[in-house]
């Protein structure tokens, strides 16, 4: 089944990808790999959800925000590739959760993004997440505090795609 047909059956309509918020691009392609920049939650016409999971948001609310983040990443893939059937596999999802120090359910939050990818692309994922305890991401060396990650979840993804970049 075609990926975009699957989206339609799921009642999902992709929006145009959001513009980068700083000096970077939404995606870079090299060979048959597509590297996506980090995205946060938020859909057109809706207020950007900001705050911490465990204080301002429940796990269930943050799961929905992570799913919205996944929709943003899929919109970038569509814009970059033209056809989502060119995605062979999601290779990696890196999820970051802005949470209170005592919060320990980050994988449940990021599952909002990865569950969406499995549903849409039908592939098993490799993903990592960041537990916001020391304020320093082990994976990306990006500080995770209220100033740099105001919204609860953020995710970035890498995909193996059909064809080679020109």
Foldseek 3Di string as FASTA:
>chain_A
DFLVVLCVVVVHDADAADADPDPDGQWDFAWQKIWGDKDWFDDPPDDFAFDADVPPHDLVVLLQRLLRRLSNNVNVVCVVPVGPVQFPFWEEKEKEFRHDQVDDPVVSNNVSNVVNCCSRNVYDYHYYYARCHPQAGPPPRHGDDCVPGRHGMMMITMTRGPGTDD
